[in-house]
Protein backbone atom coordinates (compact mmCIF):
# COMPACT_ATOMS: atom_id res chain seq x y z
CA MET A 1 -85.40 17.49 -14.62
CA LEU A 2 -82.86 17.46 -11.42
CA LYS A 3 -82.79 14.01 -9.18
CA ASP A 4 -81.35 13.36 -5.66
CA TYR A 5 -77.87 11.83 -6.30
CA THR A 6 -78.18 8.35 -4.55
CA LYS A 7 -74.93 6.52 -5.15
CA LYS A 8 -73.10 4.94 -2.14
CA PRO A 9 -69.54 4.98 -2.12
CA LEU A 10 -68.00 1.40 -2.60
CA THR A 11 -64.92 -0.55 -1.34
CA TYR A 12 -61.69 -0.68 -3.61
CA LEU A 13 -62.74 -4.63 -4.24
CA GLN A 14 -66.40 -3.34 -5.37
CA GLN A 15 -65.43 -0.73 -7.05
CA SER A 16 -62.98 -3.19 -9.40
CA ASP A 17 -65.99 -6.03 -9.72
CA LEU A 18 -67.93 -2.71 -10.80
CA LEU A 19 -65.28 -1.97 -13.53
CA GLN A 20 -65.02 -6.01 -14.53
CA GLN A 21 -68.68 -5.75 -14.78
CA ARG A 22 -68.72 -3.25 -17.30
CA ASN A 23 -66.38 -5.16 -19.69
CA MET A 24 -63.23 -3.76 -18.60
CA VAL A 25 -60.02 -6.24 -18.25
CA ILE A 26 -58.01 -6.17 -15.37
CA HIS A 27 -54.94 -8.31 -15.41
CA ASP A 28 -53.53 -8.20 -11.97
CA ARG A 29 -56.27 -7.60 -9.34
CA PRO A 30 -54.14 -6.58 -6.44
CA THR A 31 -52.11 -3.95 -8.83
CA ALA A 32 -55.56 -2.53 -9.62
CA LEU A 33 -56.78 -2.38 -6.04
CA SER A 34 -53.40 -0.24 -5.07
CA ALA A 35 -54.00 1.80 -7.85
CA LEU A 36 -57.28 2.39 -6.91
CA SER A 37 -56.04 3.23 -3.45
CA LYS A 38 -53.86 5.45 -4.76
CA ILE A 39 -55.53 7.46 -7.01
CA SER A 40 -59.16 6.90 -6.97
CA TYR A 41 -61.84 5.85 -8.84
CA TYR A 42 -63.45 8.66 -9.65
CA ARG A 43 -60.18 10.41 -11.06
CA LEU A 44 -59.09 7.27 -13.00
CA SER A 45 -62.59 7.89 -14.51
CA ALA A 46 -62.06 10.49 -16.75
CA TYR A 47 -58.60 8.08 -18.43
CA TRP A 48 -61.37 5.51 -19.17
CA TYR A 49 -64.01 7.45 -20.21
CA PRO A 50 -63.51 7.59 -24.20
CA PHE A 51 -63.17 4.12 -24.21
CA ARG A 52 -66.86 3.74 -22.64
CA GLN A 53 -69.35 2.17 -25.28
CA ARG A 54 -72.12 4.50 -27.78
CA ASP A 55 -75.57 3.15 -27.90
CA SER A 56 -77.02 3.71 -31.32
CA SER A 57 -78.35 7.01 -30.60
CA GLY A 58 -74.42 7.90 -29.68
CA TRP A 59 -75.26 8.45 -26.31
CA VAL A 60 -72.18 7.01 -23.69
CA THR A 61 -72.79 4.20 -22.29
CA ASP A 62 -71.37 2.35 -18.68
CA ASN A 63 -69.85 -0.38 -20.66
CA PHE A 64 -66.52 -0.75 -22.15
CA ILE A 65 -65.40 -1.04 -25.81
CA ALA A 66 -64.09 -4.80 -26.02
CA GLY A 67 -60.30 -5.23 -24.99
CA THR A 68 -60.32 -2.05 -22.86
CA SER A 69 -57.96 -2.56 -19.62
CA PHE A 70 -57.46 -1.33 -16.22
CA GLU A 71 -54.08 -0.68 -16.71
CA GLU A 72 -54.26 1.27 -19.89
CA ALA A 73 -56.04 3.60 -18.10
CA VAL A 74 -53.58 3.79 -15.51
CA ASN A 75 -50.91 4.38 -18.14
CA ARG A 76 -53.28 7.07 -19.19
CA TYR A 77 -53.10 8.50 -15.96
CA GLU A 78 -49.28 7.89 -15.91
CA PHE A 79 -48.22 9.73 -18.93
CA ASP A 80 -50.92 12.59 -18.01
CA ARG A 81 -48.92 13.14 -14.58
CA LYS A 82 -45.65 13.21 -16.36
CA LEU A 83 -47.21 15.92 -19.25
CA ARG A 84 -48.23 18.23 -16.64
CA LEU A 85 -44.73 18.13 -14.76
CA LEU A 86 -43.08 18.88 -18.06
CA VAL A 87 -45.70 22.01 -19.01
CA LEU A 88 -45.00 23.08 -15.79
CA ASP A 89 -41.54 23.12 -15.93
CA ALA A 90 -42.16 25.07 -19.07
CA ILE A 91 -44.29 27.60 -17.35
CA GLU A 92 -41.99 28.40 -14.60
CA ARG A 93 -39.60 29.49 -16.96
CA ILE A 94 -41.48 31.58 -19.00
CA GLU A 95 -42.83 33.14 -15.52
CA VAL A 96 -39.07 33.82 -13.93
CA SER A 97 -38.28 35.38 -17.86
CA LEU A 98 -41.46 37.53 -17.44
CA ARG A 99 -41.00 38.62 -14.50
CA THR A 100 -37.53 40.04 -15.18
CA LYS A 101 -38.50 41.55 -18.23
CA LEU A 102 -41.06 43.26 -16.29
CA THR A 103 -39.25 44.32 -13.26
CA TYR A 104 -36.64 45.49 -15.54
CA HIS A 105 -38.26 47.73 -17.58
CA LEU A 106 -40.67 49.42 -14.91
CA ALA A 107 -37.71 49.73 -12.34
CA HIS A 108 -35.61 51.65 -15.13
CA GLN A 109 -38.64 53.08 -16.96
CA TYR A 110 -40.89 54.62 -13.77
CA GLY A 111 -38.59 53.85 -10.58
CA PRO A 112 -39.11 51.61 -7.76
CA TYR A 113 -42.66 51.91 -7.10
CA GLY A 114 -43.87 53.02 -10.51
CA HIS A 115 -46.29 50.09 -10.46
CA THR A 116 -47.87 51.50 -7.40
CA ASP A 117 -48.71 54.76 -9.59
CA SER A 118 -52.26 54.59 -11.82
CA ALA A 119 -50.42 57.22 -14.13
CA ASN A 120 -47.80 54.86 -15.76
CA PHE A 121 -50.67 52.45 -16.90
CA HIS A 122 -53.19 52.33 -19.28
CA PRO A 123 -56.39 54.35 -18.10
CA ARG A 124 -58.74 51.39 -18.35
CA PHE A 125 -56.50 49.18 -15.90
CA HIS A 126 -58.28 48.72 -12.85
CA HIS A 127 -55.64 49.37 -11.25
CA ALA A 128 -56.63 50.05 -7.41
CA HIS A 129 -57.82 46.87 -7.37
CA TRP A 130 -54.73 44.84 -9.08
CA LEU A 131 -52.52 46.61 -6.07
CA SER A 132 -54.75 45.72 -3.49
CA GLU A 133 -54.35 41.87 -4.43
CA LEU A 134 -50.75 42.62 -4.76
CA GLU A 135 -50.37 44.09 -1.51
CA LEU A 136 -53.11 43.28 0.66
CA LYS A 137 -53.46 39.54 -0.57
CA GLU A 138 -49.92 38.61 -2.35
CA ALA A 139 -47.53 40.47 -0.24
CA ASN A 140 -49.06 40.03 3.08
CA ARG A 141 -49.71 36.27 2.83
CA SER A 142 -45.85 35.68 1.90
CA GLN A 143 -43.74 33.90 4.10
CA GLU A 144 -40.58 34.54 2.25
CA GLU A 145 -37.35 35.72 4.11
CA PHE A 146 -36.91 38.98 1.81
CA ILE A 147 -40.31 39.73 2.83
CA ARG A 148 -39.59 39.37 6.56
CA HIS A 149 -36.36 41.59 5.72
CA PHE A 150 -37.86 44.44 4.09
CA LYS A 151 -40.42 44.66 7.29
CA ASN A 152 -38.15 44.56 9.48
CA HIS A 153 -35.88 46.84 7.78
CA TYR A 154 -37.92 49.33 6.26
CA ARG A 155 -41.11 51.39 6.22
CA GLY A 156 -43.91 51.38 4.02
CA PHE A 157 -44.82 47.22 3.84
CA PRO A 158 -46.99 46.32 2.23
CA ARG A 159 -45.78 48.60 -0.50
CA LEU A 160 -42.39 47.14 -2.01
CA PRO A 161 -39.99 47.86 -4.30
CA VAL A 162 -40.63 46.66 -8.19
CA TRP A 163 -38.36 43.63 -7.87
CA ILE A 164 -39.41 42.35 -4.56
CA ALA A 165 -43.22 42.84 -5.65
CA THR A 166 -42.58 41.16 -8.63
CA GLU A 167 -41.17 37.93 -6.87
CA VAL A 168 -44.63 37.30 -4.73
CA MET A 169 -47.05 37.81 -7.53
CA SER A 170 -49.26 35.15 -9.16
CA PHE A 171 -48.32 34.16 -12.78
CA GLY A 172 -52.21 35.33 -13.21
CA LEU A 173 -51.10 39.13 -11.44
CA LEU A 174 -48.54 39.10 -13.38
CA SER A 175 -50.00 38.31 -16.54
CA LYS A 176 -52.68 41.22 -15.32
CA LEU A 177 -49.87 43.55 -14.84
CA PHE A 178 -48.67 43.05 -18.43
CA ARG A 179 -52.09 43.32 -19.62
CA GLY A 180 -52.50 46.91 -17.88
CA LEU A 181 -49.44 48.58 -18.91
CA LYS A 182 -49.45 51.49 -21.11
CA HIS A 183 -49.53 50.01 -24.89
CA GLN A 184 -45.29 51.57 -25.33
CA ASP A 185 -44.51 49.56 -22.35
CA LYS A 186 -46.08 46.60 -23.32
CA ARG A 187 -44.59 46.75 -27.08
CA ILE A 188 -41.15 47.25 -25.89
CA ILE A 189 -41.75 43.55 -23.69
CA GLY A 190 -43.49 41.88 -26.53
CA GLU A 191 -40.56 42.63 -28.79
CA THR A 192 -38.32 40.76 -26.51
CA TYR A 193 -40.32 38.15 -27.00
CA GLU A 194 -40.93 39.05 -30.90
CA LEU A 195 -44.57 38.84 -30.33
CA HIS A 196 -46.67 41.73 -30.85
CA PRO A 197 -48.24 42.77 -27.51
CA LYS A 198 -51.63 41.85 -27.80
CA THR A 199 -50.63 38.33 -28.54
CA LEU A 200 -48.36 38.08 -25.74
CA ALA A 201 -51.20 38.92 -23.54
CA ASP A 202 -53.23 36.56 -24.62
CA TRP A 203 -50.93 34.09 -24.63
CA LEU A 204 -50.02 34.97 -20.97
CA HIS A 205 -54.08 34.69 -19.73
CA VAL A 206 -54.05 31.17 -21.78
CA LEU A 207 -51.23 29.99 -19.79
CA THR A 208 -52.54 31.31 -16.60
CA TYR A 209 -54.96 28.93 -17.03
CA VAL A 210 -53.25 26.07 -18.21
CA ARG A 211 -51.08 26.18 -15.54
CA ASN A 212 -53.76 26.52 -12.75
CA ILE A 213 -54.89 23.27 -14.04
CA CYS A 214 -51.28 21.89 -13.89
CA ALA A 215 -51.25 22.63 -10.15
CA HIS A 216 -54.19 21.29 -9.10
CA HIS A 217 -53.95 18.12 -10.62
CA GLY A 218 -56.25 18.41 -13.60
CA ARG A 219 -56.36 16.34 -16.77
CA LEU A 220 -54.61 17.75 -19.24
CA TRP A 221 -54.25 14.85 -21.97
CA ASN A 222 -57.75 14.67 -24.12
CA ARG A 223 -58.96 18.13 -22.61
CA GLU A 224 -61.01 20.45 -24.16
CA LEU A 225 -59.85 24.07 -23.26
CA ALA A 226 -62.21 26.63 -21.92
CA ILE A 227 -59.89 29.12 -22.46
CA ARG A 228 -58.50 29.38 -25.68
CA PRO A 229 -55.52 31.37 -27.67
CA VAL A 230 -56.75 34.05 -30.43
CA LEU A 231 -55.41 33.05 -33.72
CA GLN A 232 -56.43 36.11 -35.98
CA GLY A 233 -53.74 37.82 -36.64
CA LEU A 234 -50.94 34.85 -36.84
CA ASP A 235 -49.36 33.49 -39.40
CA LYS A 236 -51.53 30.53 -41.13
CA ASN A 237 -49.02 27.83 -39.79
CA TRP A 238 -51.27 28.74 -36.35
CA LEU A 239 -54.29 28.21 -38.26
CA PRO A 240 -56.49 24.76 -39.78
CA SER A 241 -55.12 22.47 -41.75
CA LYS A 242 -51.38 23.52 -40.40
CA THR A 243 -52.58 23.18 -36.37
CA PRO A 244 -56.15 21.36 -36.40
CA THR A 245 -57.60 23.28 -33.90
CA ASN A 246 -57.18 25.82 -30.65
CA ASN A 247 -58.54 23.66 -28.27
CA ARG A 248 -56.63 21.00 -27.52
CA LEU A 249 -53.03 20.66 -26.23
CA PHE A 250 -51.18 20.71 -29.21
CA ILE A 251 -51.84 24.55 -29.67
CA ILE A 252 -50.49 25.26 -25.95
CA LEU A 253 -47.51 23.29 -26.58
CA LEU A 254 -46.87 25.03 -29.87
CA ILE A 255 -47.40 28.35 -27.49
CA ILE A 256 -45.12 27.30 -24.73
CA ASN A 257 -42.26 25.94 -27.54
CA GLN A 258 -42.20 29.51 -28.99
CA LEU A 259 -41.87 31.49 -25.78
CA LEU A 260 -39.24 29.27 -25.10
CA LYS A 261 -37.22 29.60 -27.96
CA VAL A 262 -36.81 33.51 -28.10
CA ASN A 263 -34.57 33.19 -24.91
CA HIS A 264 -32.98 29.61 -26.46
CA ASN A 265 -34.65 27.96 -23.44
CA ASN A 266 -36.25 25.08 -25.15
CA THR A 267 -34.11 22.55 -26.64
CA ASP A 268 -33.79 19.90 -23.15
CA TRP A 269 -37.64 20.64 -22.89
CA GLN A 270 -38.88 19.83 -26.48
CA LYS A 271 -36.63 16.97 -26.60
CA SER A 272 -38.63 15.68 -22.93
CA LEU A 273 -41.46 16.49 -24.62
CA GLU A 274 -41.43 14.79 -27.55
CA ASN A 275 -40.09 11.42 -25.88
CA LEU A 276 -42.86 11.33 -23.34
CA ILE A 277 -45.31 11.99 -26.45
CA ALA A 278 -44.30 9.98 -29.82
CA PRO A 279 -45.26 6.53 -28.11
CA ILE A 280 -48.45 7.80 -27.01
CA ILE A 281 -49.99 9.56 -30.13
CA ALA A 282 -48.34 6.90 -32.52
CA ASN A 283 -52.54 6.14 -31.87
CA PRO A 284 -54.15 8.41 -34.38
CA LEU A 285 -57.31 8.57 -32.21
CA LEU A 286 -54.92 9.72 -29.00
CA ARG A 287 -53.53 11.83 -31.84
CA GLN A 288 -56.25 13.38 -33.05
CA SER A 289 -57.84 13.91 -28.94
CA MET A 290 -55.02 16.27 -28.11
CA GLY A 291 -54.84 17.89 -31.51
CA PHE A 292 -51.79 17.30 -32.86
CA PRO A 293 -51.44 17.05 -36.83
CA SER A 294 -49.94 13.58 -37.97
CA ASP A 295 -46.58 15.39 -38.87
CA TRP A 296 -46.63 17.48 -35.73
CA GLN A 297 -42.77 16.56 -35.35
CA THR A 298 -41.89 18.94 -38.53
CA HIS A 299 -44.61 21.36 -37.95
CA ALA A 300 -43.65 24.52 -38.85
CA LEU A 301 -43.99 26.59 -35.45
CA TRP A 302 -42.33 23.28 -33.60
CA MET A 303 -38.76 23.61 -35.43
CA SER A 304 -38.69 27.09 -37.20
CA HIS A 305 -37.71 30.42 -35.07
CA PRO A 306 -40.87 32.17 -33.94
CA LYS A 307 -41.16 34.95 -36.48
CA ASN A 308 -44.46 34.29 -37.49
CA PHE A 309 -46.41 37.25 -35.96
CA GLN A 310 -48.45 40.47 -37.39
CA SER A 311 -47.05 43.86 -35.97
CA ALA A 312 -50.21 46.00 -36.34
CA GLU A 313 -49.83 49.11 -35.23
CA LYS A 314 -52.96 48.63 -33.03
CA GLU A 315 -54.08 50.14 -29.49
CA ILE A 316 -54.57 46.82 -27.20
CA THR A 317 -58.01 46.90 -25.26
CA VAL A 318 -56.90 46.38 -21.67
C-alpha cells in the first residue's frame, strides 16, 4: 500500500550526523560538509548504496558495512564523473563520424534535399514524423550562425540541405535517420564501420541512451542498463564467458572502442580509460559490478581489430 512521503529536509550538518549514526566513517567533517553542499546527499547516496548492510532476509538496511567511509563514496562519484566525460568524448567522435558518412552518402545518392523525400527511405519508416521533428523542432530552435545565414539568404527554411540538416540533428534523430534508410543504403554505411547494418542500428540506439545518461549527469558506475545491445549473431567474444553480461558498463565500452577503432580514433581514448578504470576495478566487487571480466585488458574485442560480425543477408526491420 502506498504511503505519504513525510521526510523533512535536513541541514548539511544533520545529513552528516545521520550518516555517522548509520555507521559511516567521516574522517574530515568540514570537507564532508563542503561535499554535501556541492554534490547533494541524494546524488551521493547512489554511490554509497552498494555499501549498505543487508538483513537476514536479504533486504537492504539503512546501516553501512563496517569501515565504509564518506570519502570513499565521494571518490566513487568523482570517478564516475570523469568516466562520463570520457564516454561523452568518445560518443561525440562517433556521432561526428556518423554525421559525415550519412551526409556524404545521402547527398551523393539522392541530392541536397533527398532526406526530405519519403521515397528514399524504408516503407515502414515514419518519415513524416521524423522530418517534422527535424524541421519544426531541431532546425527552428537552433541558434547556430549557419542557420541564421541560411534563413537570411535562401528560401525554404526550415527545409535545409542535408549537409546543414545533419548538423542540427540530435544524436537520437540521427540514429533514427540511419535506422530509416533503405537496406542498401544502411549496408553501404554499415560497411564503413565493418558492421552489419542491423548491428550498427542497434548500437546507435544504445549509445543514444548512454549519451543521455551522461549528458544529464546520471550514474554510469554500477548501473544496470535499461537498453541493452542485442548480441545475437555476433562473434563468441561478445558472449559469456568472454564478455560476462550485456547489461553493464563493459559492453558499452567495448562497443565504443570498436566504433572508434575502425577510424583509428581510439588509441588515446583507450589509454585514458584504462588509466581511469584500472585502480577502481582492482577491487573484484567493483569490477564485477561494472561487468568487467578479470582479463579485460587482454579481451579479444578490447585489443583486436573489429571484424567479428556475421554478415547475414537479412532485410532490416525498421
